[in-house]
Amino acid sequence: MYRLHGLALTTKTLHPHHKRRLFSQAAAAITEEPPTIQTAPLDGFPKTGPLETISAIPRSASGKNVSAKERKAGRVPSIVFEQEDGQHGGNKRLISVQKNRIRNLVNKLGRSFFLSRLFELDVRPQFESDEFIEKVRVLPRLVHLHAGTDEPLNVTFIRAPSHALLKVDIPLVFRGDDISPGLRKGAYLNTIKRTVKFFCPADLIPPYIDVDLSELDVGQKLLMGDLKVHPALKLVQSKELPVVKIMGGRVSDKKSK
């Protein structure tokens, strides 16, 4: 049985001429090359620098008691997942990472920037060991911080090989507010989104997205579809959702009254 354009056909029901036509169309469908997608870095977009390293050791068990002991020893219980459908699933490795290292990275980068940046994860038998169990590139997926102290309580990582397509919340960096016509008139900036979710090839995850406010006047807004990103990145949400808007009435010219 063959299927063409959603129709199931058997060769017994086909005229010889139609058989030849069917086979030629099937061959063309098999040999047709998919459209080329630009997956190399391009000028004009933010680029990530050298990867920072996070050291880890294996953890044989999970549970509240185990996690409490790890935190008391200055370690953060963590998990490394395989990636599936841009998120996580499949095989996982239980690990622990150094609490001070995670705390310093989150404080230095900011939480949203930490969760959109690739790291080199070095898994060793012990932190001071020269032997490697695994060395893998990862993306932090979740970081749970203590509500009162901001101490890291656990971290979820996802493997990020070059072929992976990952769903990432990319932080937005706003520029041009000092020359925005609307803001110079006394209006204010209504920031609706601080991160926007994209499907990203692992090699092209941007550290941030530039948002240019320099030409926005009162009442104008920027939509998700207006963001300038690498063409290989695919927006997860609607292009029509707003990112920012200049709010407030125009300043009246008292001299003209």
C-alpha atoms as a PDB file:
ATOM      1  CA  MET A   1       0.000   0.000   0.000  1.00  0.00           C
ATOM      2  CA  TYR A   2       1.223   3.527  -0.786  1.00  0.00           C
ATOM      3  CA  ARG A   3       0.080   6.824   0.601  1.00  0.00           C
ATOM      4  CA  LEU A   4       0.112   9.956  -1.528  1.00  0.00           C
ATOM      5  CA  HIS A   5      -1.347  13.290  -0.405  1.00  0.00           C
ATOM      6  CA  GLY A   6      -3.131  11.492   2.423  1.00  0.00           C
ATOM      7  CA  LEU A   7      -4.738   8.787   0.160  1.00  0.00           C
ATOM      8  CA  ALA A   8      -4.024   5.082   0.623  1.00  0.00           C
ATOM      9  CA  LEU A   9      -3.445   3.288  -2.714  1.00  0.00           C
ATOM     10  CA  THR A  10      -2.525  -0.238  -3.761  1.00  0.00           C
ATOM     11  CA  THR A  11      -0.592  -0.960  -6.943  1.00  0.00           C
ATOM     12  CA  LYS A  12      -3.190  -3.538  -7.964  1.00  0.00           C
ATOM     13  CA  THR A  13      -5.802  -0.807  -8.455  1.00  0.00           C
ATOM     14  CA  LEU A  14      -3.571   1.448 -10.535  1.00  0.00           C
ATOM     15  CA  HIS A  15      -3.189   1.689 -14.303  1.00  0.00           C
ATOM     16  CA  PRO A  16       0.489   1.117 -15.379  1.00  0.00           C
ATOM     17  CA  HIS A  17       0.785   4.764 -16.406  1.00  0.00           C
ATOM     18  CA  HIS A  18      -0.420   5.865 -12.984  1.00  0.00           C
ATOM     19  CA  LYS A  19       1.993   3.417 -11.341  1.00  0.00           C
ATOM     20  CA  ARG A  20       4.957   5.055 -13.082  1.00  0.00           C
ATOM     21  CA  ARG A  21       3.686   8.493 -12.114  1.00  0.00           C
ATOM     22  CA  LEU A  22       3.207   7.446  -8.482  1.00  0.00           C
ATOM     23  CA  PHE A  23       6.707   5.982  -8.201  1.00  0.00           C
ATOM     24  CA  SER A  24       8.289   9.072  -9.816  1.00  0.00           C
ATOM     25  CA  GLN A  25       6.446  11.366  -7.370  1.00  0.00           C
ATOM     26  CA  ALA A  26       7.506   9.192  -4.423  1.00  0.00           C
ATOM     27  CA  ALA A  27      11.139   9.252  -5.571  1.00  0.00           C
ATOM     28  CA  ALA A  28      11.021  13.043  -5.910  1.00  0.00           C
ATOM     29  CA  ALA A  29       9.612  13.348  -2.386  1.00  0.00           C
ATOM     30  CA  ILE A  30      12.439  11.173  -0.996  1.00  0.00           C
ATOM     31  CA  THR A  31      15.257  12.978  -2.813  1.00  0.00           C
ATOM     32  CA  GLU A  32      13.943  16.504  -2.310  1.00  0.00           C
ATOM     33  CA  GLU A  33      16.270  18.385   0.049  1.00  0.00           C
ATOM     34  CA  PRO A  34      14.800  20.256   3.014  1.00  0.00           C
ATOM     35  CA  PRO A  35      15.122  24.045   3.015  1.00  0.00           C
ATOM     36  CA  THR A  36      18.446  25.329   4.303  1.00  0.00           C
ATOM     37  CA  ILE A  37      18.322  26.942   7.752  1.00  0.00           C
ATOM     38  CA  GLN A  38      21.111  29.302   8.742  1.00  0.00           C
ATOM     39  CA  THR A  39      22.634  27.795  11.892  1.00  0.00           C
ATOM     40  CA  ALA A  40      25.970  29.621  11.971  1.00  0.00           C
ATOM     41  CA  PRO A  41      26.545  32.690  14.161  1.00  0.00           C
ATOM     42  CA  LEU A  42      25.799  35.965  12.380  1.00  0.00           C
ATOM     43  CA  ASP A  43      27.158  39.468  12.902  1.00  0.00           C
ATOM     44  CA  GLY A  44      24.855  41.914  14.623  1.00  0.00           C
ATOM     45  CA  PHE A  45      23.547  39.513  17.270  1.00  0.00           C
ATOM     46  CA  PRO A  46      24.847  39.088  20.855  1.00  0.00           C
ATOM     47  CA  LYS A  47      27.341  36.241  21.167  1.00  0.00           C
ATOM     48  CA  THR A  48      28.223  34.164  24.201  1.00  0.00           C
ATOM     49  CA  GLY A  49      31.826  34.181  25.384  1.00  0.00           C
ATOM     50  CA  PRO A  50      33.829  31.187  26.653  1.00  0.00           C
ATOM     51  CA  LEU A  51      31.829  28.756  28.766  1.00  0.00           C
ATOM     52  CA  GLU A  52      32.278  28.858  32.517  1.00  0.00           C
ATOM     53  CA  THR A  53      32.720  25.558  34.350  1.00  0.00           C
ATOM     54  CA  ILE A  54      30.598  24.046  37.108  1.00  0.00           C
ATOM     55  CA  SER A  55      32.142  21.111  38.973  1.00  0.00           C
ATOM     56  CA  ALA A  56      29.946  18.258  40.177  1.00  0.00           C
ATOM     57  CA  ILE A  57      30.147  14.897  41.923  1.00  0.00           C
ATOM     58  CA  PRO A  58      27.790  11.892  41.557  1.00  0.00           C
ATOM     59  CA  ARG A  59      24.929  11.453  44.013  1.00  0.00           C
ATOM     60  CA  SER A  60      23.663   7.897  44.510  1.00  0.00           C
ATOM     61  CA  ALA A  61      20.308   8.625  46.147  1.00  0.00           C
ATOM     62  CA  SER A  62      17.577  11.238  46.356  1.00  0.00           C
ATOM     63  CA  GLY A  63      15.037  12.272  48.982  1.00  0.00           C
ATOM     64  CA  LYS A  64      14.567  14.922  51.655  1.00  0.00           C
ATOM     65  CA  ASN A  65      17.095  13.456  54.098  1.00  0.00           C
ATOM     66  CA  VAL A  66      19.783  13.063  51.427  1.00  0.00           C
ATOM     67  CA  SER A  67      19.176  16.606  50.158  1.00  0.00           C
ATOM     68  CA  ALA A  68      19.361  18.023  53.678  1.00  0.00           C
ATOM     69  CA  LYS A  69      22.729  16.318  54.255  1.00  0.00           C
ATOM     70  CA  GLU A  70      24.059  17.637  50.939  1.00  0.00           C
ATOM     71  CA  ARG A  71      23.060  21.213  51.782  1.00  0.00           C
ATOM     72  CA  LYS A  72      24.553  20.937  55.261  1.00  0.00           C
ATOM     73  CA  ALA A  73      27.845  19.867  53.629  1.00  0.00           C
ATOM     74  CA  GLY A  74      27.818  22.961  51.384  1.00  0.00           C
ATOM     75  CA  ARG A  75      26.542  21.152  48.312  1.00  0.00           C
ATOM     76  CA  VAL A  76      23.417  21.631  46.176  1.00  0.00           C
ATOM     77  CA  PRO A  77      21.529  18.480  45.110  1.00  0.00           C
ATOM     78  CA  SER A  78      21.039  18.609  41.344  1.00  0.00           C
ATOM     79  CA  ILE A  79      19.893  16.581  38.330  1.00  0.00           C
ATOM     80  CA  VAL A  80      21.132  16.433  34.736  1.00  0.00           C
ATOM     81  CA  PHE A  81      18.419  15.425  32.242  1.00  0.00           C
ATOM     82  CA  GLU A  82      18.558  14.407  28.626  1.00  0.00           C
ATOM     83  CA  GLN A  83      16.630  16.772  26.347  1.00  0.00           C
ATOM     84  CA  GLU A  84      13.326  15.929  24.723  1.00  0.00           C
ATOM     85  CA  ASP A  85      11.095  18.283  22.708  1.00  0.00           C
ATOM     86  CA  GLY A  86      13.154  21.268  23.806  1.00  0.00           C
ATOM     87  CA  GLN A  87      12.589  20.536  27.479  1.00  0.00           C
ATOM     88  CA  HIS A  88      13.728  17.566  29.543  1.00  0.00           C
ATOM     89  CA  GLY A  89      13.071  13.884  30.043  1.00  0.00           C
ATOM     90  CA  GLY A  90      14.706  10.545  29.373  1.00  0.00           C
ATOM     91  CA  ASN A  91      17.884   9.540  31.199  1.00  0.00           C
ATOM     92  CA  LYS A  92      19.016  11.507  34.207  1.00  0.00           C
ATOM     93  CA  ARG A  93      22.103  11.666  36.402  1.00  0.00           C
ATOM     94  CA  LEU A  94      21.940  12.590  40.084  1.00  0.00           C
ATOM     95  CA  ILE A  95      24.734  14.967  41.035  1.00  0.00           C
ATOM     96  CA  SER A  96      25.688  17.569  43.613  1.00  0.00           C
ATOM     97  CA  VAL A  97      27.355  20.898  42.875  1.00  0.00           C
ATOM     98  CA  GLN A  98      29.143  23.376  45.108  1.00  0.00           C
ATOM     99  CA  LYS A  99      26.709  25.799  46.762  1.00  0.00           C
ATOM    100  CA  ASN A 100      29.117  28.751  46.685  1.00  0.00           C
ATOM    101  CA  ARG A 101      29.714  28.280  42.955  1.00  0.00           C
ATOM    102  CA  ILE A 102      26.006  28.349  42.094  1.00  0.00           C
ATOM    103  CA  ARG A 103      25.314  31.246  44.449  1.00  0.00           C
ATOM    104  CA  ASN A 104      28.143  33.314  42.955  1.00  0.00           C
ATOM    105  CA  LEU A 105      27.012  32.611  39.371  1.00  0.00           C
ATOM    106  CA  VAL A 106      23.379  33.524  40.088  1.00  0.00           C
ATOM    107  CA  ASN A 107      24.423  36.699  41.927  1.00  0.00           C
ATOM    108  CA  LYS A 108      26.867  37.733  39.204  1.00  0.00           C
ATOM    109  CA  LEU A 109      24.694  36.990  36.182  1.00  0.00           C
ATOM    110  CA  GLY A 110      21.181  37.381  37.586  1.00  0.00           C
ATOM    111  CA  ARG A 111      18.706  34.521  37.763  1.00  0.00           C
ATOM    112  CA  SER A 112      17.229  34.874  34.256  1.00  0.00           C
ATOM    113  CA  PHE A 113      20.680  35.212  32.662  1.00  0.00           C
ATOM    114  CA  PHE A 114      21.936  32.175  34.581  1.00  0.00           C
ATOM    115  CA  LEU A 115      18.998  30.119  33.257  1.00  0.00           C
ATOM    116  CA  SER A 116      19.693  31.055  29.627  1.00  0.00           C
ATOM    117  CA  ARG A 117      23.458  30.421  29.587  1.00  0.00           C
ATOM    118  CA  LEU A 118      25.400  27.287  28.673  1.00  0.00           C
ATOM    119  CA  PHE A 119      27.990  25.872  31.088  1.00  0.00           C
ATOM    120  CA  GLU A 120      30.623  23.147  31.005  1.00  0.00           C
ATOM    121  CA  LEU A 121      29.681  20.575  33.647  1.00  0.00           C
ATOM    122  CA  ASP A 122      32.647  18.564  34.945  1.00  0.00           C
ATOM    123  CA  VAL A 123      31.526  15.465  36.856  1.00  0.00           C
ATOM    124  CA  ARG A 124      34.338  13.936  38.957  1.00  0.00           C
ATOM    125  CA  PRO A 125      34.476  11.244  41.696  1.00  0.00           C
ATOM    126  CA  GLN A 126      35.382  14.034  44.152  1.00  0.00           C
ATOM    127  CA  PHE A 127      35.655  17.785  43.640  1.00  0.00           C
ATOM    128  CA  GLU A 128      39.436  17.716  44.085  1.00  0.00           C
ATOM    129  CA  SER A 129      39.931  14.672  41.814  1.00  0.00           C
ATOM    130  CA  ASP A 130      41.819  14.882  38.509  1.00  0.00           C
ATOM    131  CA  GLU A 131      39.686  12.061  37.074  1.00  0.00           C
ATOM    132  CA  PHE A 132      36.630  12.866  34.946  1.00  0.00           C
ATOM    133  CA  ILE A 133      33.469  10.764  34.976  1.00  0.00           C
ATOM    134  CA  GLU A 134      31.799  12.994  32.435  1.00  0.00           C
ATOM    135  CA  LYS A 135      32.374  16.369  30.850  1.00  0.00           C
ATOM    136  CA  VAL A 136      29.249  17.719  29.181  1.00  0.00           C
ATOM    137  CA  ARG A 137      27.738  21.011  28.059  1.00  0.00           C
ATOM    138  CA  VAL A 138      24.531  21.860  29.926  1.00  0.00           C
ATOM    139  CA  LEU A 139      21.852  24.518  30.215  1.00  0.00           C
ATOM    140  CA  PRO A 140      20.379  25.271  33.670  1.00  0.00           C
ATOM    141  CA  ARG A 141      16.637  24.662  33.438  1.00  0.00           C
ATOM    142  CA  LEU A 142      15.541  25.482  36.994  1.00  0.00           C
ATOM    143  CA  VAL A 143      17.192  26.898  40.088  1.00  0.00           C
ATOM    144  CA  HIS A 144      15.322  26.841  43.382  1.00  0.00           C
ATOM    145  CA  LEU A 145      16.418  29.552  45.837  1.00  0.00           C
ATOM    146  CA  HIS A 146      15.545  29.881  49.517  1.00  0.00           C
ATOM    147  CA  ALA A 147      12.810  32.512  49.896  1.00  0.00           C
ATOM    148  CA  GLY A 148      14.533  34.288  52.782  1.00  0.00           C
ATOM    149  CA  THR A 149      18.255  33.947  52.075  1.00  0.00           C
ATOM    150  CA  ASP A 150      18.414  33.308  48.290  1.00  0.00           C
ATOM    151  CA  GLU A 151      20.661  30.314  49.018  1.00  0.00           C
ATOM    152  CA  PRO A 152      20.453  27.761  46.159  1.00  0.00           C
ATOM    153  CA  LEU A 153      18.479  24.686  47.235  1.00  0.00           C
ATOM    154  CA  ASN A 154      18.575  22.622  44.029  1.00  0.00           C
ATOM    155  CA  VAL A 155      19.376  22.974  40.334  1.00  0.00           C
ATOM    156  CA  THR A 156      18.066  21.131  37.276  1.00  0.00           C
ATOM    157  CA  PHE A 157      20.336  20.983  34.219  1.00  0.00           C
ATOM    158  CA  ILE A 158      19.616  19.745  30.717  1.00  0.00           C
ATOM    159  CA  ARG A 159      22.243  18.375  28.336  1.00  0.00           C
ATOM    160  CA  ALA A 160      22.935  20.732  25.423  1.00  0.00           C
ATOM    161  CA  PRO A 161      24.796  18.953  22.589  1.00  0.00           C
ATOM    162  CA  SER A 162      25.171  20.828  19.307  1.00  0.00           C
ATOM    163  CA  HIS A 163      22.242  19.022  17.655  1.00  0.00           C
ATOM    164  CA  ALA A 164      19.810  19.879  20.480  1.00  0.00           C
ATOM    165  CA  LEU A 165      16.896  22.268  19.971  1.00  0.00           C
ATOM    166  CA  LEU A 166      16.132  23.784  23.365  1.00  0.00           C
ATOM    167  CA  LYS A 167      13.287  25.887  24.689  1.00  0.00           C
ATOM    168  CA  VAL A 168      14.865  28.877  26.435  1.00  0.00           C
ATOM    169  CA  ASP A 169      13.574  32.031  28.125  1.00  0.00           C
ATOM    170  CA  ILE A 170      15.939  34.663  26.708  1.00  0.00           C
ATOM    171  CA  PRO A 171      16.388  37.828  28.836  1.00  0.00           C
ATOM    172  CA  LEU A 172      15.650  41.186  27.216  1.00  0.00           C
ATOM    173  CA  VAL A 173      18.043  44.135  27.509  1.00  0.00           C
ATOM    174  CA  PHE A 174      16.411  47.525  26.878  1.00  0.00           C
ATOM    175  CA  ARG A 175      18.442  50.254  25.197  1.00  0.00           C
ATOM    176  CA  GLY A 176      17.755  53.742  23.851  1.00  0.00           C
ATOM    177  CA  ASP A 177      15.490  54.844  26.702  1.00  0.00           C
ATOM    178  CA  ASP A 178      17.538  58.035  27.055  1.00  0.00           C
ATOM    179  CA  ILE A 179      16.579  59.213  23.547  1.00  0.00           C
ATOM    180  CA  SER A 180      13.095  57.688  23.214  1.00  0.00           C
ATOM    181  CA  PRO A 181      10.750  60.501  22.033  1.00  0.00           C
ATOM    182  CA  GLY A 182       7.935  59.278  24.264  1.00  0.00           C
ATOM    183  CA  LEU A 183      10.058  59.005  27.396  1.00  0.00           C
ATOM    184  CA  ARG A 184      11.609  62.416  26.753  1.00  0.00           C
ATOM    185  CA  LYS A 185       8.078  63.869  26.741  1.00  0.00           C
ATOM    186  CA  GLY A 186       7.489  62.594  30.264  1.00  0.00           C
ATOM    187  CA  ALA A 187       5.738  59.312  29.514  1.00  0.00           C
ATOM    188  CA  TYR A 188       6.831  56.085  31.213  1.00  0.00           C
ATOM    189  CA  LEU A 189       7.920  52.672  30.039  1.00  0.00           C
ATOM    190  CA  ASN A 190       5.516  49.815  30.746  1.00  0.00           C
ATOM    191  CA  THR A 191       7.696  46.680  30.697  1.00  0.00           C
ATOM    192  CA  ILE A 192       5.378  43.754  29.939  1.00  0.00           C
ATOM    193  CA  LYS A 193       7.985  41.029  29.317  1.00  0.00           C
ATOM    194  CA  ARG A 194      11.528  40.698  30.662  1.00  0.00           C
ATOM    195  CA  THR A 195      12.190  37.343  28.998  1.00  0.00           C
ATOM    196  CA  VAL A 196      10.794  35.785  25.810  1.00  0.00           C
ATOM    197  CA  LYS A 197      10.696  32.039  25.089  1.00  0.00           C
ATOM    198  CA  PHE A 198      12.330  30.705  21.913  1.00  0.00           C
ATOM    199  CA  PHE A 199      13.271  27.332  20.471  1.00  0.00           C
ATOM    200  CA  CYS A 200      17.040  27.694  20.021  1.00  0.00           C
ATOM    201  CA  PRO A 201      19.715  25.476  18.464  1.00  0.00           C
ATOM    202  CA  ALA A 202      22.080  24.803  21.358  1.00  0.00           C
ATOM    203  CA  ASP A 203      25.010  26.490  19.589  1.00  0.00           C
ATOM    204  CA  LEU A 204      23.012  29.683  19.007  1.00  0.00           C
ATOM    205  CA  ILE A 205      21.439  30.459  22.383  1.00  0.00           C
ATOM    206  CA  PRO A 206      21.958  34.233  22.739  1.00  0.00           C
ATOM    207  CA  PRO A 207      23.014  35.622  26.128  1.00  0.00           C
ATOM    208  CA  TYR A 208      20.267  38.262  25.744  1.00  0.00           C
ATOM    209  CA  ILE A 209      18.114  40.052  23.153  1.00  0.00           C
ATOM    210  CA  ASP A 210      18.597  43.753  22.491  1.00  0.00           C
ATOM    211  CA  VAL A 211      15.358  45.790  22.547  1.00  0.00           C
ATOM    212  CA  ASP A 212      15.725  49.204  20.916  1.00  0.00           C
ATOM    213  CA  LEU A 213      13.472  51.872  22.473  1.00  0.00           C
ATOM    214  CA  SER A 214      15.098  54.832  20.743  1.00  0.00           C
ATOM    215  CA  GLU A 215      12.252  55.498  18.261  1.00  0.00           C
ATOM    216  CA  LEU A 216       9.222  54.769  20.443  1.00  0.00           C
ATOM    217  CA  ASP A 217       6.782  57.633  21.009  1.00  0.00           C
ATOM    218  CA  VAL A 218       3.842  57.921  23.386  1.00  0.00           C
ATOM    219  CA  GLY A 219       1.336  55.124  22.868  1.00  0.00           C
ATOM    220  CA  GLN A 220       3.658  53.020  20.718  1.00  0.00           C
ATOM    221  CA  LYS A 221       4.694  49.480  21.600  1.00  0.00           C
ATOM    222  CA  LEU A 222       7.015  46.678  20.542  1.00  0.00           C
ATOM    223  CA  LEU A 223       5.662  43.196  19.903  1.00  0.00           C
ATOM    224  CA  MET A 224       7.427  39.850  20.221  1.00  0.00           C
ATOM    225  CA  GLY A 225       7.530  39.660  16.440  1.00  0.00           C
ATOM    226  CA  ASP A 226       9.504  42.939  16.373  1.00  0.00           C
ATOM    227  CA  LEU A 227      12.445  41.434  18.278  1.00  0.00           C
ATOM    228  CA  LYS A 228      15.570  41.040  16.143  1.00  0.00           C
ATOM    229  CA  VAL A 229      17.006  37.543  16.648  1.00  0.00           C
ATOM    230  CA  HIS A 230      18.983  34.987  14.667  1.00  0.00           C
ATOM    231  CA  PRO A 231      16.742  33.438  11.952  1.00  0.00           C
ATOM    232  CA  ALA A 232      17.306  29.954  13.405  1.00  0.00           C
ATOM    233  CA  LEU A 233      15.470  30.951  16.609  1.00  0.00           C
ATOM    234  CA  LYS A 234      11.743  30.198  16.609  1.00  0.00           C
ATOM    235  CA  LEU A 235       9.338  32.139  18.783  1.00  0.00           C
ATOM    236  CA  VAL A 236       7.235  29.892  21.031  1.00  0.00           C
ATOM    237  CA  GLN A 237       4.433  32.411  21.679  1.00  0.00           C
ATOM    238  CA  SER A 238       2.398  34.639  19.378  1.00  0.00           C
ATOM    239  CA  LYS A 239       4.243  37.358  17.462  1.00  0.00           C
ATOM    240  CA  GLU A 240       1.426  39.775  18.359  1.00  0.00           C
ATOM    241  CA  LEU A 241       2.031  39.732  22.117  1.00  0.00           C
ATOM    242  CA  PRO A 242       3.452  43.041  23.423  1.00  0.00           C
ATOM    243  CA  VAL A 243       6.884  43.357  25.043  1.00  0.00           C
ATOM    244  CA  VAL A 244       6.909  47.042  26.055  1.00  0.00           C
ATOM    245  CA  LYS A 245       4.702  50.091  25.607  1.00  0.00           C
ATOM    246  CA  ILE A 246       5.251  53.815  26.152  1.00  0.00           C
ATOM    247  CA  MET A 247       2.444  54.882  28.496  1.00  0.00           C
ATOM    248  CA  GLY A 248       1.131  58.291  29.552  1.00  0.00           C
ATOM    249  CA  GLY A 249      -0.419  61.361  27.952  1.00  0.00           C
ATOM    250  CA  ARG A 250       1.542  63.873  25.936  1.00  0.00           C
ATOM    251  CA  VAL A 251       2.945  66.785  27.868  1.00  0.00           C
ATOM    252  CA  SER A 252       0.836  69.878  27.058  1.00  0.00           C
ATOM    253  CA  ASP A 253       2.533  72.983  25.825  1.00  0.00           C
ATOM    254  CA  LYS A 254       1.474  75.557  28.397  1.00  0.00           C
ATOM    255  CA  LYS A 255       2.954  78.413  26.361  1.00  0.00           C
ATOM    256  CA  SER A 256       0.506  77.778  23.498  1.00  0.00           C
ATOM    257  CA  LYS A 257      -2.510  78.364  25.740  1.00  0.00           C
END
